[in-house]
Amino acid sequence: MKEEDRKLWTNRIKNHRASGLTAIKWAEENNISVHKLRYYINKFNKEKKQESKESKWISIVPEKPIVENKSESPLKVIIENVIIEVTSGFNEDTFQSIISILSKC
């Protein structure tokens, strides 16, 4: 469909909807076939429906870093009968060493 035809029918449909008239009455007053009016209304509605089904991806970048765990409660790691409590700001190397040692027991 040519772009100018699309604009023409888009404007006609907008005018019809804004008029508050039935399709038949509006078409009669504007010397347009009611069948063509309904055809283009259905055509454009199908196109919009198809567009809404397609996935659209956008990127969202937060202004500030997101803090994942604001809880003051420690994380508890349980390995058999040993409980390790990990608080925020823990040393990762130390934690890995402890887990490695316990897994060998």
N, C-alpha and C. Protein backbone atom coordinates (compact mmCIF):
# COMPACT_ATOMS: atom_id res chain seq x y z
N MET A 1 0.84 -1.17 0.00
CA MET A 1 0.00 0.00 0.00
C MET A 1 0.88 1.23 0.00
N LYS A 2 0.55 2.16 -0.86
CA LYS A 2 1.32 3.41 -0.93
C LYS A 2 1.12 4.21 0.35
N GLU A 3 2.15 4.93 0.71
CA GLU A 3 2.11 5.71 1.94
C GLU A 3 1.00 6.76 1.90
N GLU A 4 0.80 7.37 0.76
CA GLU A 4 -0.25 8.40 0.67
C GLU A 4 -1.64 7.78 0.82
N ASP A 5 -1.84 6.56 0.30
CA ASP A 5 -3.13 5.88 0.47
C ASP A 5 -3.34 5.52 1.95
N ARG A 6 -2.28 5.07 2.59
CA ARG A 6 -2.37 4.73 4.02
C ARG A 6 -2.77 5.96 4.83
N LYS A 7 -2.14 7.11 4.54
CA LYS A 7 -2.47 8.34 5.26
C LYS A 7 -3.91 8.76 4.99
N LEU A 8 -4.34 8.64 3.74
CA LEU A 8 -5.70 9.00 3.37
C LEU A 8 -6.71 8.17 4.16
N TRP A 9 -6.52 6.85 4.19
CA TRP A 9 -7.47 5.98 4.88
C TRP A 9 -7.35 6.10 6.40
N THR A 10 -6.18 6.36 6.89
CA THR A 10 -6.01 6.59 8.33
C THR A 10 -6.80 7.82 8.74
N ASN A 11 -6.71 8.89 7.94
CA ASN A 11 -7.46 10.11 8.24
C ASN A 11 -8.96 9.90 8.11
N ARG A 12 -9.37 9.15 7.11
CA ARG A 12 -10.80 8.88 6.93
C ARG A 12 -11.35 8.10 8.13
N ILE A 13 -10.60 7.10 8.57
CA ILE A 13 -11.04 6.31 9.72
C ILE A 13 -11.12 7.17 10.97
N LYS A 14 -10.12 8.03 11.18
CA LYS A 14 -10.14 8.94 12.34
C LYS A 14 -11.37 9.84 12.28
N ASN A 15 -11.65 10.38 11.10
CA ASN A 15 -12.80 11.26 10.93
C ASN A 15 -14.10 10.51 11.21
N HIS A 16 -14.20 9.29 10.70
CA HIS A 16 -15.39 8.47 10.94
C HIS A 16 -15.60 8.25 12.43
N ARG A 17 -14.54 7.86 13.12
CA ARG A 17 -14.65 7.58 14.56
C ARG A 17 -14.99 8.84 15.36
N ALA A 18 -14.41 9.95 14.96
CA ALA A 18 -14.68 11.21 15.67
C ALA A 18 -16.10 11.72 15.41
N SER A 19 -16.68 11.34 14.30
CA SER A 19 -18.00 11.84 13.93
C SER A 19 -19.12 11.28 14.81
N GLY A 20 -18.92 10.08 15.32
CA GLY A 20 -19.97 9.45 16.11
C GLY A 20 -21.06 8.83 15.26
N LEU A 21 -20.90 8.89 13.96
CA LEU A 21 -21.89 8.32 13.03
C LEU A 21 -21.62 6.85 12.80
N THR A 22 -22.64 6.15 12.36
CA THR A 22 -22.44 4.76 11.96
C THR A 22 -21.59 4.75 10.70
N ALA A 23 -21.00 3.61 10.41
CA ALA A 23 -20.17 3.49 9.21
C ALA A 23 -21.00 3.79 7.95
N ILE A 24 -22.22 3.29 7.92
CA ILE A 24 -23.08 3.50 6.75
C ILE A 24 -23.39 4.98 6.57
N LYS A 25 -23.81 5.63 7.63
CA LYS A 25 -24.16 7.05 7.56
C LYS A 25 -22.96 7.91 7.19
N TRP A 26 -21.80 7.64 7.82
CA TRP A 26 -20.60 8.43 7.52
C TRP A 26 -20.18 8.23 6.07
N ALA A 27 -20.20 6.98 5.61
CA ALA A 27 -19.81 6.69 4.23
C ALA A 27 -20.74 7.39 3.23
N GLU A 28 -22.04 7.39 3.50
CA GLU A 28 -22.98 8.08 2.62
C GLU A 28 -22.66 9.56 2.54
N GLU A 29 -22.43 10.19 3.70
CA GLU A 29 -22.17 11.63 3.75
C GLU A 29 -20.84 12.01 3.10
N ASN A 30 -19.92 11.06 3.02
CA ASN A 30 -18.60 11.35 2.46
C ASN A 30 -18.37 10.71 1.10
N ASN A 31 -19.45 10.18 0.51
CA ASN A 31 -19.38 9.56 -0.81
C ASN A 31 -18.29 8.50 -0.92
N ILE A 32 -18.23 7.65 0.10
CA ILE A 32 -17.25 6.56 0.14
C ILE A 32 -18.02 5.26 0.33
N SER A 33 -17.55 4.21 -0.30
CA SER A 33 -18.18 2.89 -0.14
C SER A 33 -18.00 2.42 1.30
N VAL A 34 -19.11 2.04 1.93
CA VAL A 34 -19.04 1.55 3.30
C VAL A 34 -18.20 0.27 3.37
N HIS A 35 -18.21 -0.50 2.29
CA HIS A 35 -17.42 -1.73 2.24
C HIS A 35 -15.93 -1.43 2.27
N LYS A 36 -15.51 -0.38 1.56
CA LYS A 36 -14.09 0.02 1.59
C LYS A 36 -13.72 0.53 2.98
N LEU A 37 -14.60 1.32 3.57
CA LEU A 37 -14.33 1.84 4.91
C LEU A 37 -14.12 0.69 5.88
N ARG A 38 -15.03 -0.25 5.88
CA ARG A 38 -14.91 -1.40 6.79
C ARG A 38 -13.68 -2.25 6.46
N TYR A 39 -13.37 -2.39 5.19
CA TYR A 39 -12.19 -3.16 4.77
C TYR A 39 -10.93 -2.55 5.40
N TYR A 40 -10.77 -1.23 5.28
CA TYR A 40 -9.56 -0.60 5.79
C TYR A 40 -9.54 -0.57 7.33
N ILE A 41 -10.69 -0.43 7.94
CA ILE A 41 -10.73 -0.50 9.41
C ILE A 41 -10.24 -1.87 9.86
N ASN A 42 -10.75 -2.93 9.25
CA ASN A 42 -10.32 -4.29 9.60
C ASN A 42 -8.85 -4.53 9.28
N LYS A 43 -8.42 -4.05 8.14
CA LYS A 43 -7.02 -4.21 7.71
C LYS A 43 -6.07 -3.57 8.73
N PHE A 44 -6.35 -2.33 9.11
CA PHE A 44 -5.46 -1.63 10.04
C PHE A 44 -5.54 -2.26 11.44
N ASN A 45 -6.72 -2.72 11.85
CA ASN A 45 -6.84 -3.38 13.16
C ASN A 45 -6.02 -4.66 13.20
N LYS A 46 -6.04 -5.44 12.10
CA LYS A 46 -5.24 -6.67 12.04
C LYS A 46 -3.75 -6.35 12.11
N GLU A 47 -3.33 -5.29 11.42
CA GLU A 47 -1.92 -4.90 11.44
C GLU A 47 -1.49 -4.51 12.85
N LYS A 48 -2.33 -3.75 13.55
CA LYS A 48 -2.00 -3.36 14.93
C LYS A 48 -1.92 -4.57 15.84
N LYS A 49 -2.85 -5.50 15.65
CA LYS A 49 -2.87 -6.72 16.47
C LYS A 49 -1.60 -7.53 16.23
N GLN A 50 -1.18 -7.64 14.97
CA GLN A 50 0.03 -8.38 14.63
C GLN A 50 1.27 -7.71 15.23
N GLU A 51 1.32 -6.38 15.17
CA GLU A 51 2.45 -5.65 15.73
C GLU A 51 2.55 -5.86 17.24
N SER A 52 1.41 -5.92 17.90
CA SER A 52 1.43 -6.08 19.35
C SER A 52 1.89 -7.47 19.76
N LYS A 53 1.78 -8.46 18.88
CA LYS A 53 2.22 -9.82 19.18
C LYS A 53 3.73 -9.96 19.08
N GLU A 54 4.37 -9.12 18.30
CA GLU A 54 5.81 -9.21 18.10
C GLU A 54 6.54 -8.71 19.34
N SER A 55 7.60 -9.40 19.72
CA SER A 55 8.39 -9.00 20.89
C SER A 55 9.17 -7.74 20.57
N LYS A 56 9.18 -6.85 21.52
CA LYS A 56 9.96 -5.63 21.38
C LYS A 56 10.85 -5.53 22.61
N TRP A 57 12.14 -5.38 22.40
CA TRP A 57 13.10 -5.34 23.49
C TRP A 57 13.68 -3.95 23.61
N ILE A 58 13.84 -3.51 24.83
CA ILE A 58 14.49 -2.24 25.09
C ILE A 58 15.49 -2.44 26.23
N SER A 59 16.45 -1.56 26.29
CA SER A 59 17.43 -1.60 27.37
C SER A 59 17.02 -0.62 28.46
N ILE A 60 17.14 -1.05 29.69
CA ILE A 60 16.87 -0.17 30.83
C ILE A 60 18.13 -0.14 31.68
N VAL A 61 18.65 1.06 31.86
CA VAL A 61 19.86 1.22 32.65
C VAL A 61 19.49 2.05 33.88
N PRO A 62 19.63 1.48 35.07
CA PRO A 62 19.28 2.24 36.28
C PRO A 62 20.25 3.39 36.50
N GLU A 63 19.74 4.47 37.07
CA GLU A 63 20.59 5.63 37.36
C GLU A 63 21.56 5.32 38.49
N LYS A 64 21.08 4.56 39.46
CA LYS A 64 21.92 4.18 40.60
C LYS A 64 22.05 2.67 40.62
N PRO A 65 23.16 2.15 41.13
CA PRO A 65 23.30 0.70 41.23
C PRO A 65 22.19 0.11 42.10
N ILE A 66 21.76 -1.05 41.74
CA ILE A 66 20.71 -1.73 42.49
C ILE A 66 21.36 -2.57 43.58
N VAL A 67 20.91 -2.38 44.79
CA VAL A 67 21.40 -3.17 45.91
C VAL A 67 20.47 -4.36 46.02
N GLU A 68 21.01 -5.55 45.82
CA GLU A 68 20.17 -6.74 45.77
C GLU A 68 19.70 -7.20 47.14
N ASN A 69 20.52 -7.08 48.16
CA ASN A 69 20.14 -7.59 49.48
C ASN A 69 20.33 -6.49 50.50
N LYS A 70 19.23 -5.82 50.86
CA LYS A 70 19.30 -4.76 51.85
C LYS A 70 19.08 -5.30 53.25
N SER A 71 18.82 -6.57 53.35
CA SER A 71 18.51 -7.20 54.63
C SER A 71 19.74 -7.22 55.52
N GLU A 72 19.53 -6.96 56.79
CA GLU A 72 20.62 -7.02 57.76
C GLU A 72 20.78 -8.45 58.30
N SER A 73 19.84 -9.31 57.99
CA SER A 73 19.93 -10.69 58.47
C SER A 73 21.04 -11.41 57.71
N PRO A 74 21.84 -12.20 58.43
CA PRO A 74 22.92 -12.92 57.74
C PRO A 74 22.38 -14.07 56.91
N LEU A 75 23.13 -14.41 55.89
CA LEU A 75 22.82 -15.58 55.06
C LEU A 75 23.37 -16.80 55.78
N LYS A 76 22.55 -17.85 55.88
CA LYS A 76 23.00 -19.06 56.57
C LYS A 76 23.28 -20.14 55.55
N VAL A 77 24.51 -20.68 55.59
CA VAL A 77 24.90 -21.79 54.73
C VAL A 77 25.04 -23.01 55.64
N ILE A 78 24.26 -24.04 55.33
CA ILE A 78 24.27 -25.24 56.17
C ILE A 78 24.85 -26.40 55.38
N ILE A 79 25.93 -26.98 55.91
CA ILE A 79 26.55 -28.16 55.32
C ILE A 79 26.57 -29.23 56.41
N GLU A 80 25.69 -30.21 56.24
CA GLU A 80 25.46 -31.25 57.24
C GLU A 80 25.14 -30.61 58.59
N ASN A 81 26.02 -30.75 59.60
CA ASN A 81 25.71 -30.20 60.91
C ASN A 81 26.45 -28.89 61.18
N VAL A 82 27.03 -28.28 60.15
CA VAL A 82 27.76 -27.02 60.30
C VAL A 82 26.94 -25.88 59.70
N ILE A 83 26.82 -24.80 60.45
CA ILE A 83 26.10 -23.62 59.98
C ILE A 83 27.08 -22.46 59.89
N ILE A 84 27.14 -21.84 58.71
CA ILE A 84 28.00 -20.68 58.50
C ILE A 84 27.09 -19.49 58.26
N GLU A 85 27.26 -18.43 59.04
CA GLU A 85 26.49 -17.21 58.83
C GLU A 85 27.35 -16.20 58.09
N VAL A 86 26.83 -15.72 56.99
CA VAL A 86 27.57 -14.77 56.16
C VAL A 86 26.83 -13.44 56.21
N THR A 87 27.53 -12.40 56.65
CA THR A 87 26.93 -11.07 56.72
C THR A 87 27.40 -10.23 55.54
N SER A 88 26.76 -9.11 55.34
CA SER A 88 27.16 -8.24 54.24
C SER A 88 28.59 -7.75 54.47
N GLY A 89 29.33 -7.61 53.40
CA GLY A 89 30.71 -7.17 53.48
C GLY A 89 31.69 -8.28 53.78
N PHE A 90 31.26 -9.54 53.65
CA PHE A 90 32.15 -10.67 53.95
C PHE A 90 33.29 -10.75 52.93
N ASN A 91 34.37 -11.43 53.34
CA ASN A 91 35.52 -11.61 52.46
C ASN A 91 35.30 -12.89 51.64
N GLU A 92 35.21 -12.74 50.32
CA GLU A 92 34.91 -13.88 49.45
C GLU A 92 35.99 -14.96 49.50
N ASP A 93 37.24 -14.54 49.55
CA ASP A 93 38.33 -15.54 49.58
C ASP A 93 38.26 -16.39 50.84
N THR A 94 37.98 -15.76 51.96
CA THR A 94 37.86 -16.50 53.22
C THR A 94 36.68 -17.46 53.15
N PHE A 95 35.57 -17.00 52.63
CA PHE A 95 34.38 -17.83 52.52
C PHE A 95 34.65 -19.04 51.64
N GLN A 96 35.32 -18.84 50.50
CA GLN A 96 35.64 -19.95 49.61
C GLN A 96 36.57 -20.95 50.29
N SER A 97 37.52 -20.45 51.04
CA SER A 97 38.44 -21.33 51.77
C SER A 97 37.69 -22.19 52.79
N ILE A 98 36.78 -21.58 53.52
CA ILE A 98 36.00 -22.32 54.53
C ILE A 98 35.15 -23.41 53.84
N ILE A 99 34.50 -23.07 52.76
CA ILE A 99 33.67 -24.04 52.04
C ILE A 99 34.54 -25.17 51.52
N SER A 100 35.70 -24.85 51.00
CA SER A 100 36.60 -25.86 50.47
C SER A 100 37.05 -26.81 51.58
N ILE A 101 37.40 -26.26 52.71
CA ILE A 101 37.84 -27.09 53.85
C ILE A 101 36.70 -28.00 54.32
N LEU A 102 35.50 -27.43 54.46
CA LEU A 102 34.36 -28.22 54.94
C LEU A 102 33.95 -29.31 53.95
N SER A 103 34.11 -29.05 52.67
CA SER A 103 33.72 -30.05 51.69
C SER A 103 34.66 -31.25 51.69
N LYS A 104 35.84 -31.10 52.21
CA LYS A 104 36.80 -32.20 52.28
C LYS A 104 36.57 -33.08 53.53
N CYS A 105 35.83 -32.55 54.49
CA CYS A 105 35.60 -33.30 55.74
C CYS A 105 34.63 -34.44 55.54
